[in-house]
C-alpha cells in the first residue's frame, strides 16, 4: 500500500505531516519544567489520605457483602 492515508497516521509517519521538522524536534527535546503558570496548592486529597467515618466503613462493608453474595452465592443457588 503506497498511498498515504491522511485519516490514519502512524507514530513513525511524521515526515508526511504538515509540521516544521525543526520545530517538531525542538518540541521533542523539551526538558525544562517551566509551563507558563505558577504551581498552586490544590485542595484535592487522594483517597488513602482522606479521613472517613464509621458509617462510611459500614456502608463499604455492606456493599462488600452484597457484592460477594451476588458473585458467589447466587451462582451456587442457581446451580
PDB file of N, CA and C in Angstrom:
ATOM      1  N   UNK A   1       0.849  -1.175   0.000  1.00  0.00           N
ATOM      2  CA  UNK A   1       0.000   0.000   0.000  1.00  0.00           C
ATOM      3  C   UNK A   1       0.892   1.235   0.000  1.00  0.00           C
ATOM      4  N   UNK A   2       1.031   1.870  -1.140  1.00  0.00           N
ATOM      5  CA  UNK A   2       1.921   3.015  -1.285  1.00  0.00           C
ATOM      6  C   UNK A   2       1.217   4.340  -1.069  1.00  0.00           C
ATOM      7  N   UNK A   3      -0.100   4.366  -1.141  1.00  0.00           N
ATOM      8  CA  UNK A   3      -0.833   5.619  -0.961  1.00  0.00           C
ATOM      9  C   UNK A   3      -0.812   6.010   0.510  1.00  0.00           C
ATOM     10  N   UNK A   4      -0.756   7.308   0.735  1.00  0.00           N
ATOM     11  CA  UNK A   4      -0.743   7.817   2.103  1.00  0.00           C
ATOM     12  C   UNK A   4      -2.177   8.049   2.552  1.00  0.00           C
ATOM     13  N   UNK A   5      -2.528   7.511   3.694  1.00  0.00           N
ATOM     14  CA  UNK A   5      -3.864   7.662   4.246  1.00  0.00           C
ATOM     15  C   UNK A   5      -3.838   8.793   5.273  1.00  0.00           C
ATOM     16  N   UNK A   6      -4.509   9.912   4.969  1.00  0.00           N
ATOM     17  CA  UNK A   6      -4.499  11.063   5.871  1.00  0.00           C
ATOM     18  C   UNK A   6      -5.338  10.827   7.128  1.00  0.00           C
ATOM     19  N   UNK A   7      -6.234   9.874   7.100  1.00  0.00           N
ATOM     20  CA  UNK A   7      -7.078   9.615   8.257  1.00  0.00           C
ATOM     21  C   UNK A   7      -6.343   8.824   9.338  1.00  0.00           C
ATOM     22  N   UNK A   8      -5.371   8.016   8.947  1.00  0.00           N
ATOM     23  CA  UNK A   8      -4.648   7.178   9.896  1.00  0.00           C
ATOM     24  C   UNK A   8      -3.163   7.502   9.805  1.00  0.00           C
ATOM     25  N   UNK A   9      -2.610   8.032  10.886  1.00  0.00           N
ATOM     26  CA  UNK A   9      -1.202   8.417  10.907  1.00  0.00           C
ATOM     27  C   UNK A   9      -0.480   7.511  11.888  1.00  0.00           C
ATOM     28  N   UNK A  10       0.560   6.853  11.423  1.00  0.00           N
ATOM     29  CA  UNK A  10       1.365   6.001  12.286  1.00  0.00           C
ATOM     30  C   UNK A  10       2.307   6.857  13.120  1.00  0.00           C
ATOM     31  N   UNK A  11       2.851   6.271  14.170  1.00  0.00           N
ATOM     32  CA  UNK A  11       3.768   7.004  15.043  1.00  0.00           C
ATOM     33  C   UNK A  11       5.026   7.428  14.303  1.00  0.00           C
ATOM     34  N   UNK A  12       5.470   6.641  13.332  1.00  0.00           N
ATOM     35  CA  UNK A  12       6.680   6.978  12.583  1.00  0.00           C
ATOM     36  C   UNK A  12       6.365   7.685  11.273  1.00  0.00           C
ATOM     37  N   UNK A  13       5.178   8.270  11.162  1.00  0.00           N
ATOM     38  CA  UNK A  13       4.706   8.879   9.922  1.00  0.00           C
ATOM     39  C   UNK A  13       4.837  10.398   9.950  1.00  0.00           C
ATOM     40  N   UNK A  14       5.720  10.950  10.792  1.00  0.00           N
ATOM     41  CA  UNK A  14       5.795  12.397  10.970  1.00  0.00           C
ATOM     42  C   UNK A  14       6.314  13.120   9.733  1.00  0.00           C
ATOM     43  N   UNK A  15       7.040  12.437   8.846  1.00  0.00           N
ATOM     44  CA  UNK A  15       7.537  13.121   7.652  1.00  0.00           C
ATOM     45  C   UNK A  15       6.408  13.456   6.683  1.00  0.00           C
ATOM     46  N   UNK A  16       5.246  12.819   6.826  1.00  0.00           N
ATOM     47  CA  UNK A  16       4.108  13.092   5.955  1.00  0.00           C
ATOM     48  C   UNK A  16       3.180  14.161   6.528  1.00  0.00           C
ATOM     49  N   UNK A  17       3.398  14.561   7.761  1.00  0.00           N
ATOM     50  CA  UNK A  17       2.553  15.567   8.380  1.00  0.00           C
ATOM     51  C   UNK A  17       3.002  16.961   7.967  1.00  0.00           C
ATOM     52  N   UNK A  18       2.082  17.911   8.037  1.00  0.00           N
ATOM     53  CA  UNK A  18       2.392  19.298   7.705  1.00  0.00           C
ATOM     54  C   UNK A  18       2.950  19.977   8.957  1.00  0.00           C
ATOM     55  N   UNK A  19       4.176  19.584   9.346  1.00  0.00           N
ATOM     56  CA  UNK A  19       4.821  20.076  10.561  1.00  0.00           C
ATOM     57  C   UNK A  19       6.230  20.507  10.203  1.00  0.00           C
ATOM     58  N   UNK A  20       6.643  21.641  10.751  1.00  0.00           N
ATOM     59  CA  UNK A  20       8.021  22.079  10.583  1.00  0.00           C
ATOM     60  C   UNK A  20       8.910  21.108  11.358  1.00  0.00           C
ATOM     61  N   UNK A  21       9.757  20.363  10.660  1.00  0.00           N
ATOM     62  CA  UNK A  21      10.535  19.306  11.293  1.00  0.00           C
ATOM     63  C   UNK A  21      11.496  19.843  12.350  1.00  0.00           C
ATOM     64  N   UNK A  22      12.057  21.046  12.150  1.00  0.00           N
ATOM     65  CA  UNK A  22      12.952  21.617  13.158  1.00  0.00           C
ATOM     66  C   UNK A  22      12.185  21.944  14.434  1.00  0.00           C
ATOM     67  N   UNK A  23      10.997  22.532  14.278  1.00  0.00           N
ATOM     68  CA  UNK A  23      10.169  22.854  15.431  1.00  0.00           C
ATOM     69  C   UNK A  23       9.699  21.569  16.120  1.00  0.00           C
ATOM     70  N   UNK A  24       9.392  20.558  15.336  1.00  0.00           N
ATOM     71  CA  UNK A  24       8.966  19.271  15.890  1.00  0.00           C
ATOM     72  C   UNK A  24      10.076  18.663  16.741  1.00  0.00           C
ATOM     73  N   UNK A  25      11.296  18.708  16.260  1.00  0.00           N
ATOM     74  CA  UNK A  25      12.428  18.166  17.010  1.00  0.00           C
ATOM     75  C   UNK A  25      12.669  18.976  18.277  1.00  0.00           C
ATOM     76  N   UNK A  26      12.484  20.304  18.198  1.00  0.00           N
ATOM     77  CA  UNK A  26      12.675  21.147  19.372  1.00  0.00           C
ATOM     78  C   UNK A  26      11.623  20.831  20.431  1.00  0.00           C
ATOM     79  N   UNK A  27      10.376  20.614  20.003  1.00  0.00           N
ATOM     80  CA  UNK A  27       9.329  20.259  20.950  1.00  0.00           C
ATOM     81  C   UNK A  27       9.614  18.905  21.582  1.00  0.00           C
ATOM     82  N   UNK A  28      10.207  18.017  20.819  1.00  0.00           N
ATOM     83  CA  UNK A  28      10.505  16.684  21.307  1.00  0.00           C
ATOM     84  C   UNK A  28      11.573  16.718  22.397  1.00  0.00           C
ATOM     85  N   UNK A  29      12.437  17.737  22.372  1.00  0.00           N
ATOM     86  CA  UNK A  29      13.531  17.850  23.327  1.00  0.00           C
ATOM     87  C   UNK A  29      13.207  18.778  24.492  1.00  0.00           C
ATOM     88  N   UNK A  30      11.946  19.081  24.706  1.00  0.00           N
ATOM     89  CA  UNK A  30      11.522  19.983  25.767  1.00  0.00           C
ATOM     90  C   UNK A  30      11.837  19.346  27.120  1.00  0.00           C
ATOM     91  N   UNK A  31      12.800  19.923  27.846  1.00  0.00           N
ATOM     92  CA  UNK A  31      13.209  19.325  29.116  1.00  0.00           C
ATOM     93  C   UNK A  31      13.051  20.248  30.311  1.00  0.00           C
ATOM     94  N   UNK A  32      12.740  21.522  30.104  1.00  0.00           N
ATOM     95  CA  UNK A  32      12.610  22.399  31.264  1.00  0.00           C
ATOM     96  C   UNK A  32      11.234  22.219  31.900  1.00  0.00           C
ATOM     97  N   UNK A  33      11.111  22.668  33.135  1.00  0.00           N
ATOM     98  CA  UNK A  33       9.867  22.499  33.870  1.00  0.00           C
ATOM     99  C   UNK A  33       9.041  23.775  33.920  1.00  0.00           C
ATOM    100  N   UNK A  34       9.292  24.723  33.052  1.00  0.00           N
ATOM    101  CA  UNK A  34       8.542  25.971  33.019  1.00  0.00           C
ATOM    102  C   UNK A  34       7.331  25.766  32.120  1.00  0.00           C
ATOM    103  N   UNK A  35       6.142  25.936  32.685  1.00  0.00           N
ATOM    104  CA  UNK A  35       4.928  25.680  31.923  1.00  0.00           C
ATOM    105  C   UNK A  35       4.051  26.918  31.788  1.00  0.00           C
ATOM    106  N   UNK A  36       4.537  28.073  32.142  1.00  0.00           N
ATOM    107  CA  UNK A  36       3.788  29.299  31.929  1.00  0.00           C
ATOM    108  C   UNK A  36       2.766  29.612  33.000  1.00  0.00           C
ATOM    109  N   UNK A  37       2.779  28.915  34.093  1.00  0.00           N
ATOM    110  CA  UNK A  37       1.863  29.215  35.177  1.00  0.00           C
ATOM    111  C   UNK A  37       2.533  28.846  36.494  1.00  0.00           C
ATOM    112  N   UNK A  38       2.066  29.448  37.538  1.00  0.00           N
ATOM    113  CA  UNK A  38       2.613  29.162  38.856  1.00  0.00           C
ATOM    114  C   UNK A  38       1.893  27.959  39.450  1.00  0.00           C
ATOM    115  N   UNK A  39       2.625  27.119  40.117  1.00  0.00           N
ATOM    116  CA  UNK A  39       2.013  25.980  40.796  1.00  0.00           C
ATOM    117  C   UNK A  39       1.285  26.490  42.033  1.00  0.00           C
ATOM    118  N   UNK A  40       0.065  26.075  42.204  1.00  0.00           N
ATOM    119  CA  UNK A  40      -0.720  26.462  43.371  1.00  0.00           C
ATOM    120  C   UNK A  40      -1.065  25.201  44.147  1.00  0.00           C
ATOM    121  N   UNK A  41      -1.248  25.386  45.430  1.00  0.00           N
ATOM    122  CA  UNK A  41      -1.636  24.252  46.261  1.00  0.00           C
ATOM    123  C   UNK A  41      -3.055  23.834  45.907  1.00  0.00           C
ATOM    124  N   UNK A  42      -3.251  22.558  45.771  1.00  0.00           N
ATOM    125  CA  UNK A  42      -4.562  22.030  45.432  1.00  0.00           C
ATOM    126  C   UNK A  42      -5.290  21.649  46.720  1.00  0.00           C
ATOM    127  N   UNK A  43      -6.606  21.806  46.726  1.00  0.00           N
ATOM    128  CA  UNK A  43      -7.408  21.391  47.867  1.00  0.00           C
ATOM    129  C   UNK A  43      -7.756  19.913  47.787  1.00  0.00           C
ATOM    130  N   UNK A  44      -7.500  19.300  46.661  1.00  0.00           N
ATOM    131  CA  UNK A  44      -7.856  17.910  46.433  1.00  0.00           C
ATOM    132  C   UNK A  44      -6.913  16.993  47.216  1.00  0.00           C
ATOM    133  N   UNK A  45      -7.472  15.951  47.790  1.00  0.00           N
ATOM    134  CA  UNK A  45      -6.702  14.971  48.543  1.00  0.00           C
ATOM    135  C   UNK A  45      -7.013  13.601  47.957  1.00  0.00           C
ATOM    136  N   UNK A  46      -5.998  12.789  47.795  1.00  0.00           N
ATOM    137  CA  UNK A  46      -6.236  11.455  47.254  1.00  0.00           C
ATOM    138  C   UNK A  46      -6.857  10.549  48.307  1.00  0.00           C
ATOM    139  N   UNK A  47      -7.518   9.521  47.886  1.00  0.00           N
ATOM    140  CA  UNK A  47      -8.329   8.674  48.763  1.00  0.00           C
ATOM    141  C   UNK A  47      -7.594   8.091  49.962  1.00  0.00           C
ATOM    142  N   UNK A  48      -6.408   7.535  49.832  1.00  0.00           N
ATOM    143  CA  UNK A  48      -5.786   6.952  51.023  1.00  0.00           C
ATOM    144  C   UNK A  48      -5.507   7.971  52.125  1.00  0.00           C
ATOM    145  N   UNK A  49      -5.492   9.232  51.802  1.00  0.00           N
ATOM    146  CA  UNK A  49      -5.179  10.255  52.788  1.00  0.00           C
ATOM    147  C   UNK A  49      -6.434  10.839  53.423  1.00  0.00           C
ATOM    148  N   UNK A  50      -7.609  10.550  52.872  1.00  0.00           N
ATOM    149  CA  UNK A  50      -8.825  11.152  53.388  1.00  0.00           C
ATOM    150  C   UNK A  50      -9.284  10.433  54.653  1.00  0.00           C
ATOM    151  N   UNK A  51      -9.871  11.204  55.545  1.00  0.00           N
ATOM    152  CA  UNK A  51     -10.468  10.610  56.732  1.00  0.00           C
ATOM    153  C   UNK A  51     -11.848  10.087  56.368  1.00  0.00           C
ATOM    154  N   UNK A  52     -12.315   9.059  57.081  1.00  0.00           N
ATOM    155  CA  UNK A  52     -13.646   8.522  56.829  1.00  0.00           C
ATOM    156  C   UNK A  52     -14.274   8.151  58.166  1.00  0.00           C
ATOM    157  N   UNK A  53     -15.596   8.162  58.171  1.00  0.00           N
ATOM    158  CA  UNK A  53     -16.326   7.893  59.407  1.00  0.00           C
ATOM    159  C   UNK A  53     -16.673   6.411  59.508  1.00  0.00           C
ATOM    160  N   UNK A  54     -17.135   6.005  60.679  1.00  0.00           N
ATOM    161  CA  UNK A  54     -17.510   4.603  60.872  1.00  0.00           C
ATOM    162  C   UNK A  54     -18.756   4.250  60.065  1.00  0.00           C
ATOM    163  N   UNK A  55     -19.627   5.218  59.811  1.00  0.00           N
ATOM    164  CA  UNK A  55     -20.798   4.927  58.976  1.00  0.00           C
ATOM    165  C   UNK A  55     -20.374   4.656  57.530  1.00  0.00           C
ATOM    166  N   UNK A  56     -19.350   5.349  57.060  1.00  0.00           N
ATOM    167  CA  UNK A  56     -18.846   5.075  55.716  1.00  0.00           C
ATOM    168  C   UNK A  56     -18.199   3.693  55.647  1.00  0.00           C
ATOM    169  N   UNK A  57     -17.551   3.274  56.727  1.00  0.00           N
ATOM    170  CA  UNK A  57     -16.982   1.924  56.785  1.00  0.00           C
ATOM    171  C   UNK A  57     -18.106   0.894  56.742  1.00  0.00           C
ATOM    172  N   UNK A  58     -19.184   1.145  57.465  1.00  0.00           N
ATOM    173  CA  UNK A  58     -20.333   0.236  57.471  1.00  0.00           C
ATOM    174  C   UNK A  58     -20.964   0.105  56.099  1.00  0.00           C
ATOM    175  N   UNK A  59     -21.098   1.227  55.402  1.00  0.00           N
ATOM    176  CA  UNK A  59     -21.653   1.195  54.044  1.00  0.00           C
ATOM    177  C   UNK A  59     -20.731   0.403  53.122  1.00  0.00           C
ATOM    178  N   UNK A  60     -19.442   0.602  53.255  1.00  0.00           N
ATOM    179  CA  UNK A  60     -18.486  -0.144  52.441  1.00  0.00           C
ATOM    180  C   UNK A  60     -18.552  -1.636  52.702  1.00  0.00           C
ATOM    181  N   UNK A  61     -18.678  -2.022  53.969  1.00  0.00           N
ATOM    182  CA  UNK A  61     -18.801  -3.445  54.301  1.00  0.00           C
ATOM    183  C   UNK A  61     -20.101  -4.030  53.759  1.00  0.00           C
ATOM    184  N   UNK A  62     -21.199  -3.268  53.825  1.00  0.00           N
ATOM    185  CA  UNK A  62     -22.475  -3.739  53.276  1.00  0.00           C
ATOM    186  C   UNK A  62     -22.373  -3.947  51.769  1.00  0.00           C
ATOM    187  N   UNK A  63     -21.723  -3.036  51.076  1.00  0.00           N
ATOM    188  CA  UNK A  63     -21.522  -3.180  49.629  1.00  0.00           C
ATOM    189  C   UNK A  63     -20.668  -4.407  49.345  1.00  0.00           C
ATOM    190  N   UNK A  64     -19.653  -4.643  50.164  1.00  0.00           N
ATOM    191  CA  UNK A  64     -18.802  -5.823  50.004  1.00  0.00           C
ATOM    192  C   UNK A  64     -19.607  -7.105  50.168  1.00  0.00           C
ATOM    193  N   UNK A  65     -20.439  -7.177  51.207  1.00  0.00           N
ATOM    194  CA  UNK A  65     -21.237  -8.379  51.460  1.00  0.00           C
ATOM    195  C   UNK A  65     -22.207  -8.635  50.314  1.00  0.00           C
ATOM    196  N   UNK A  66     -22.881  -7.602  49.842  1.00  0.00           N
ATOM    197  CA  UNK A  66     -23.809  -7.764  48.714  1.00  0.00           C
ATOM    198  C   UNK A  66     -23.054  -8.200  47.469  1.00  0.00           C
ATOM    199  N   UNK A  67     -21.907  -7.622  47.212  1.00  0.00           N
ATOM    200  CA  UNK A  67     -21.112  -7.999  46.046  1.00  0.00           C
ATOM    201  C   UNK A  67     -20.650  -9.438  46.109  1.00  0.00           C
ATOM    202  N   UNK A  68     -20.204  -9.881  47.279  1.00  0.00           N
ATOM    203  CA  UNK A  68     -19.789 -11.276  47.434  1.00  0.00           C
ATOM    204  C   UNK A  68     -20.971 -12.225  47.286  1.00  0.00           C
ATOM    205  N   UNK A  69     -22.130 -11.823  47.797  1.00  0.00           N
ATOM    206  CA  UNK A  69     -23.325 -12.657  47.657  1.00  0.00           C
ATOM    207  C   UNK A  69     -23.716 -12.802  46.193  1.00  0.00           C
ATOM    208  N   UNK A  70     -23.669 -11.715  45.455  1.00  0.00           N
ATOM    209  CA  UNK A  70     -24.008 -11.770  44.028  1.00  0.00           C
ATOM    210  C   UNK A  70     -22.983 -12.602  43.271  1.00  0.00           C
ATOM    211  N   UNK A  71     -21.721 -12.450  43.604  1.00  0.00           N
ATOM    212  CA  UNK A  71     -20.662 -13.131  42.856  1.00  0.00           C
ATOM    213  C   UNK A  71     -20.582 -14.622  43.170  1.00  0.00           C
ATOM    214  N   UNK A  72     -20.843 -15.025  44.421  1.00  0.00           N
ATOM    215  CA  UNK A  72     -20.625 -16.422  44.798  1.00  0.00           C
ATOM    216  C   UNK A  72     -21.909 -17.153  45.193  1.00  0.00           C
ATOM    217  N   UNK A  73     -22.772 -16.528  45.983  1.00  0.00           N
ATOM    218  CA  UNK A  73     -23.958 -17.226  46.486  1.00  0.00           C
ATOM    219  C   UNK A  73     -24.991 -17.460  45.388  1.00  0.00           C
ATOM    220  N   UNK A  74     -25.284 -16.480  44.583  1.00  0.00           N
ATOM    221  CA  UNK A  74     -26.286 -16.658  43.527  1.00  0.00           C
ATOM    222  C   UNK A  74     -25.900 -17.746  42.529  1.00  0.00           C
ATOM    223  N   UNK A  75     -24.660 -17.823  42.063  1.00  0.00           N
ATOM    224  CA  UNK A  75     -24.313 -18.928  41.154  1.00  0.00           C
ATOM    225  C   UNK A  75     -24.428 -20.304  41.826  1.00  0.00           C
ATOM    226  N   UNK A  76     -24.118 -20.387  43.132  1.00  0.00           N
ATOM    227  CA  UNK A  76     -24.256 -21.666  43.829  1.00  0.00           C
ATOM    228  C   UNK A  76     -25.721 -22.059  43.981  1.00  0.00           C
ATOM    229  N   UNK A  77     -26.569 -21.090  44.248  1.00  0.00           N
ATOM    230  CA  UNK A  77     -28.006 -21.351  44.375  1.00  0.00           C
ATOM    231  C   UNK A  77     -28.597 -21.743  43.024  1.00  0.00           C
ATOM    232  N   UNK A  78     -28.159 -21.075  41.966  1.00  0.00           N
ATOM    233  CA  UNK A  78     -28.693 -21.341  40.626  1.00  0.00           C
ATOM    234  C   UNK A  78     -28.233 -22.690  40.083  1.00  0.00           C
ATOM    235  N   UNK A  79     -27.128 -23.225  40.598  1.00  0.00           N
ATOM    236  CA  UNK A  79     -26.591 -24.496  40.056  1.00  0.00           C
ATOM    237  C   UNK A  79     -27.317 -25.708  40.542  1.00  0.00           C
TER     238      UNK A  79
END
